[in-house]
Amino acid sequence: MKIYISGPMTGIPEWNRPEFDRVAFKLRFLGHKVFSPPEMDQGKSDGKWDDYLMRDLELIRTEIEGVCRLKDWEKSEGARIEVAFAKRIGLKMVTENGSIQAEAVEGPKPIESGGRKDDASKARFDLLPPE
């Protein structure tokens, strides 16, 4: 599986590279093709944050099959954007051990029909079995 590692970098010594490297090594050992931002940056830190983010979102959109979230990923604005985008386009969330994580997926909202105000006029997507 092609896996992108998402996690905090800004404000962390060495851009958190030791943690990215540790997880990348583990996933590669399990046979996955891994995309790690610190490796892709090759030590460069002179670009703009949004340029790196756009590059990574394009990679996630076109190449990636799963995303591995590092510890404290939710504290990183970039990682939150990457994960939300990956989920939105239906990618799997993967642990550092290569396991697929079960995610609570919010289904589509019921569609209001025009004119009627009773509950029977709403589409009942909540009655459909999960995919």
C-alpha atoms as a PDB file:
ATOM      1  CA  MET A   1       0.000   0.000   0.000  1.00  0.00           C
ATOM      2  CA  LYS A   2       1.186   3.558  -0.716  1.00  0.00           C
ATOM      3  CA  ILE A   3       1.143   5.330   2.643  1.00  0.00           C
ATOM      4  CA  TYR A   4       1.646   9.008   3.432  1.00  0.00           C
ATOM      5  CA  ILE A   5       2.861   9.871   6.934  1.00  0.00           C
ATOM      6  CA  SER A   6       1.094  12.880   8.419  1.00  0.00           C
ATOM      7  CA  GLY A   7       2.259  14.531  11.594  1.00  0.00           C
ATOM      8  CA  PRO A   8       3.511  17.656  13.302  1.00  0.00           C
ATOM      9  CA  MET A   9       6.728  19.269  12.062  1.00  0.00           C
ATOM     10  CA  THR A  10       6.639  23.013  12.733  1.00  0.00           C
ATOM     11  CA  GLY A  11       8.125  23.989  16.077  1.00  0.00           C
ATOM     12  CA  ILE A  12       9.569  20.526  16.753  1.00  0.00           C
ATOM     13  CA  PRO A  13      13.354  19.978  16.836  1.00  0.00           C
ATOM     14  CA  GLU A  14      14.666  18.563  13.554  1.00  0.00           C
ATOM     15  CA  TRP A  15      11.146  19.025  12.108  1.00  0.00           C
ATOM     16  CA  ASN A  16      10.188  15.801  13.952  1.00  0.00           C
ATOM     17  CA  ARG A  17      12.280  13.845  11.445  1.00  0.00           C
ATOM     18  CA  PRO A  18      13.345  11.094  13.917  1.00  0.00           C
ATOM     19  CA  GLU A  19       9.686  10.148  14.487  1.00  0.00           C
ATOM     20  CA  PHE A  20       8.842  10.283  10.772  1.00  0.00           C
ATOM     21  CA  ASP A  21      11.926   8.138  10.035  1.00  0.00           C
ATOM     22  CA  ARG A  22      11.056   5.595  12.737  1.00  0.00           C
ATOM     23  CA  VAL A  23       7.520   5.100  11.398  1.00  0.00           C
ATOM     24  CA  ALA A  24       8.670   5.102   7.754  1.00  0.00           C
ATOM     25  CA  PHE A  25      11.210   2.378   8.526  1.00  0.00           C
ATOM     26  CA  LYS A  26       8.590   0.257  10.252  1.00  0.00           C
ATOM     27  CA  LEU A  27       6.048   0.614   7.419  1.00  0.00           C
ATOM     28  CA  ARG A  28       8.681  -0.124   4.748  1.00  0.00           C
ATOM     29  CA  PHE A  29       9.764  -3.215   6.664  1.00  0.00           C
ATOM     30  CA  LEU A  30       6.132  -4.366   6.401  1.00  0.00           C
ATOM     31  CA  GLY A  31       6.307  -3.937   2.608  1.00  0.00           C
ATOM     32  CA  HIS A  32       4.571  -0.594   2.123  1.00  0.00           C
ATOM     33  CA  LYS A  33       5.716   2.224  -0.156  1.00  0.00           C
ATOM     34  CA  VAL A  34       6.066   5.218   2.163  1.00  0.00           C
ATOM     35  CA  PHE A  35       5.929   8.952   1.485  1.00  0.00           C
ATOM     36  CA  SER A  36       7.384  10.992   4.338  1.00  0.00           C
ATOM     37  CA  PRO A  37       7.403  14.814   4.161  1.00  0.00           C
ATOM     38  CA  PRO A  38      10.859  15.227   5.783  1.00  0.00           C
ATOM     39  CA  GLU A  39      12.320  12.833   3.214  1.00  0.00           C
ATOM     40  CA  MET A  40      10.567  14.631   0.356  1.00  0.00           C
ATOM     41  CA  ASP A  41      11.850  17.983   1.656  1.00  0.00           C
ATOM     42  CA  GLN A  42      15.429  16.601   1.792  1.00  0.00           C
ATOM     43  CA  GLY A  43      16.309  18.908   4.647  1.00  0.00           C
ATOM     44  CA  LYS A  44      15.007  22.042   2.908  1.00  0.00           C
ATOM     45  CA  SER A  45      13.066  24.457   5.040  1.00  0.00           C
ATOM     46  CA  ASP A  46      13.226  27.493   2.806  1.00  0.00           C
ATOM     47  CA  GLY A  47       9.869  26.987   1.085  1.00  0.00           C
ATOM     48  CA  LYS A  48       6.556  28.442   2.150  1.00  0.00           C
ATOM     49  CA  TRP A  49       4.345  26.336   4.403  1.00  0.00           C
ATOM     50  CA  ASP A  50       1.405  26.480   1.984  1.00  0.00           C
ATOM     51  CA  ASP A  51       3.627  25.362  -0.927  1.00  0.00           C
ATOM     52  CA  TYR A  52       4.609  22.230   1.002  1.00  0.00           C
ATOM     53  CA  LEU A  53       0.986  21.639   1.970  1.00  0.00           C
ATOM     54  CA  MET A  54      -0.279  21.977  -1.613  1.00  0.00           C
ATOM     55  CA  ARG A  55       2.426  19.600  -2.844  1.00  0.00           C
ATOM     56  CA  ASP A  56       1.432  17.045  -0.215  1.00  0.00           C
ATOM     57  CA  LEU A  57      -2.314  17.382  -0.871  1.00  0.00           C
ATOM     58  CA  GLU A  58      -1.702  16.782  -4.579  1.00  0.00           C
ATOM     59  CA  LEU A  59       0.352  13.700  -3.715  1.00  0.00           C
ATOM     60  CA  ILE A  60      -2.400  12.455  -1.395  1.00  0.00           C
ATOM     61  CA  ARG A  61      -4.984  13.042  -4.134  1.00  0.00           C
ATOM     62  CA  THR A  62      -3.082  11.284  -6.907  1.00  0.00           C
ATOM     63  CA  GLU A  63      -0.820   8.617  -5.386  1.00  0.00           C
ATOM     64  CA  ILE A  64      -1.711   7.691  -1.825  1.00  0.00           C
ATOM     65  CA  GLU A  65      -3.904   4.798  -0.638  1.00  0.00           C
ATOM     66  CA  GLY A  66      -3.607   5.304   3.111  1.00  0.00           C
ATOM     67  CA  VAL A  67      -2.454   7.849   5.690  1.00  0.00           C
ATOM     68  CA  CYS A  68      -0.554   7.069   8.871  1.00  0.00           C
ATOM     69  CA  ARG A  69      -1.047   9.696  11.579  1.00  0.00           C
ATOM     70  CA  LEU A  70       1.836  10.312  13.955  1.00  0.00           C
ATOM     71  CA  LYS A  71       1.396  10.990  17.655  1.00  0.00           C
ATOM     72  CA  ASP A  72       0.003  14.495  18.238  1.00  0.00           C
ATOM     73  CA  TRP A  73      -0.985  14.875  14.569  1.00  0.00           C
ATOM     74  CA  GLU A  74      -4.131  16.726  15.658  1.00  0.00           C
ATOM     75  CA  LYS A  75      -1.958  19.544  17.095  1.00  0.00           C
ATOM     76  CA  SER A  76      -0.651  20.317  13.597  1.00  0.00           C
ATOM     77  CA  GLU A  77      -2.743  22.498  11.304  1.00  0.00           C
ATOM     78  CA  GLY A  78      -1.162  20.935   8.224  1.00  0.00           C
ATOM     79  CA  ALA A  79      -1.700  17.363   9.439  1.00  0.00           C
ATOM     80  CA  ARG A  80      -5.349  18.137  10.292  1.00  0.00           C
ATOM     81  CA  ILE A  81      -5.877  19.439   6.745  1.00  0.00           C
ATOM     82  CA  GLU A  82      -4.115  16.415   5.208  1.00  0.00           C
ATOM     83  CA  VAL A  83      -6.115  13.919   7.264  1.00  0.00           C
ATOM     84  CA  ALA A  84      -9.451  15.660   6.641  1.00  0.00           C
ATOM     85  CA  PHE A  85      -8.736  15.744   2.895  1.00  0.00           C
ATOM     86  CA  ALA A  86      -7.648  12.091   2.837  1.00  0.00           C
ATOM     87  CA  LYS A  87     -10.814  11.036   4.665  1.00  0.00           C
ATOM     88  CA  ARG A  88     -12.954  13.167   2.363  1.00  0.00           C
ATOM     89  CA  ILE A  89     -11.619  11.377  -0.719  1.00  0.00           C
ATOM     90  CA  GLY A  90     -12.050   7.968   0.922  1.00  0.00           C
ATOM     91  CA  LEU A  91      -8.494   6.995   1.840  1.00  0.00           C
ATOM     92  CA  LYS A  92      -7.772   4.544   4.635  1.00  0.00           C
ATOM     93  CA  MET A  93      -6.237   5.563   7.945  1.00  0.00           C
ATOM     94  CA  VAL A  94      -3.371   3.210   8.821  1.00  0.00           C
ATOM     95  CA  THR A  95      -1.498   2.558  12.063  1.00  0.00           C
ATOM     96  CA  GLU A  96       2.280   2.507  12.169  1.00  0.00           C
ATOM     97  CA  ASN A  97       1.947  -1.294  12.294  1.00  0.00           C
ATOM     98  CA  GLY A  98       0.204  -1.234   8.919  1.00  0.00           C
ATOM     99  CA  SER A  99      -3.262  -2.058  10.254  1.00  0.00           C
ATOM    100  CA  ILE A 100      -6.285  -0.300   8.794  1.00  0.00           C
ATOM    101  CA  GLN A 101      -8.015   1.788  11.454  1.00  0.00           C
ATOM    102  CA  ALA A 102     -11.768   1.660  11.748  1.00  0.00           C
ATOM    103  CA  GLU A 103     -13.059   5.197  11.334  1.00  0.00           C
ATOM    104  CA  ALA A 104     -16.436   6.534  12.331  1.00  0.00           C
ATOM    105  CA  VAL A 105     -17.711   7.920   9.058  1.00  0.00           C
ATOM    106  CA  GLU A 106     -20.515  10.423   9.098  1.00  0.00           C
ATOM    107  CA  GLY A 107     -23.009   9.564   6.394  1.00  0.00           C
ATOM    108  CA  PRO A 108     -24.846  11.943   4.113  1.00  0.00           C
ATOM    109  CA  LYS A 109     -27.306  14.351   5.654  1.00  0.00           C
ATOM    110  CA  PRO A 110     -31.001  13.779   4.894  1.00  0.00           C
ATOM    111  CA  ILE A 111     -32.322  15.849   2.016  1.00  0.00           C
ATOM    112  CA  GLU A 112     -35.295  18.054   2.762  1.00  0.00           C
ATOM    113  CA  SER A 113     -38.102  17.789   0.256  1.00  0.00           C
ATOM    114  CA  GLY A 114     -39.805  20.982  -0.810  1.00  0.00           C
ATOM    115  CA  GLY A 115     -43.070  21.985   0.816  1.00  0.00           C
ATOM    116  CA  ARG A 116     -43.788  19.211   3.359  1.00  0.00           C
ATOM    117  CA  LYS A 117     -42.787  19.723   6.934  1.00  0.00           C
ATOM    118  CA  ASP A 118     -43.312  16.222   8.341  1.00  0.00           C
ATOM    119  CA  ASP A 119     -40.443  13.792   8.932  1.00  0.00           C
ATOM    120  CA  ALA A 120     -41.765  11.421   6.262  1.00  0.00           C
ATOM    121  CA  SER A 121     -40.637  13.893   3.611  1.00  0.00           C
ATOM    122  CA  LYS A 122     -36.958  13.448   4.548  1.00  0.00           C
ATOM    123  CA  ALA A 123     -34.702  10.899   2.895  1.00  0.00           C
ATOM    124  CA  ARG A 124     -33.787   8.249   5.459  1.00  0.00           C
ATOM    125  CA  PHE A 125     -30.118   7.531   4.741  1.00  0.00           C
ATOM    126  CA  ASP A 126     -29.737   6.447   8.354  1.00  0.00           C
ATOM    127  CA  LEU A 127     -31.755   3.306   7.494  1.00  0.00           C
ATOM    128  CA  LEU A 128     -29.216   2.132   4.899  1.00  0.00           C
ATOM    129  CA  PRO A 129     -26.612  -0.380   6.058  1.00  0.00           C
ATOM    130  CA  PRO A 130     -23.066   1.000   6.319  1.00  0.00           C
ATOM    131  CA  GLU A 131     -20.748   0.238   3.411  1.00  0.00           C
END
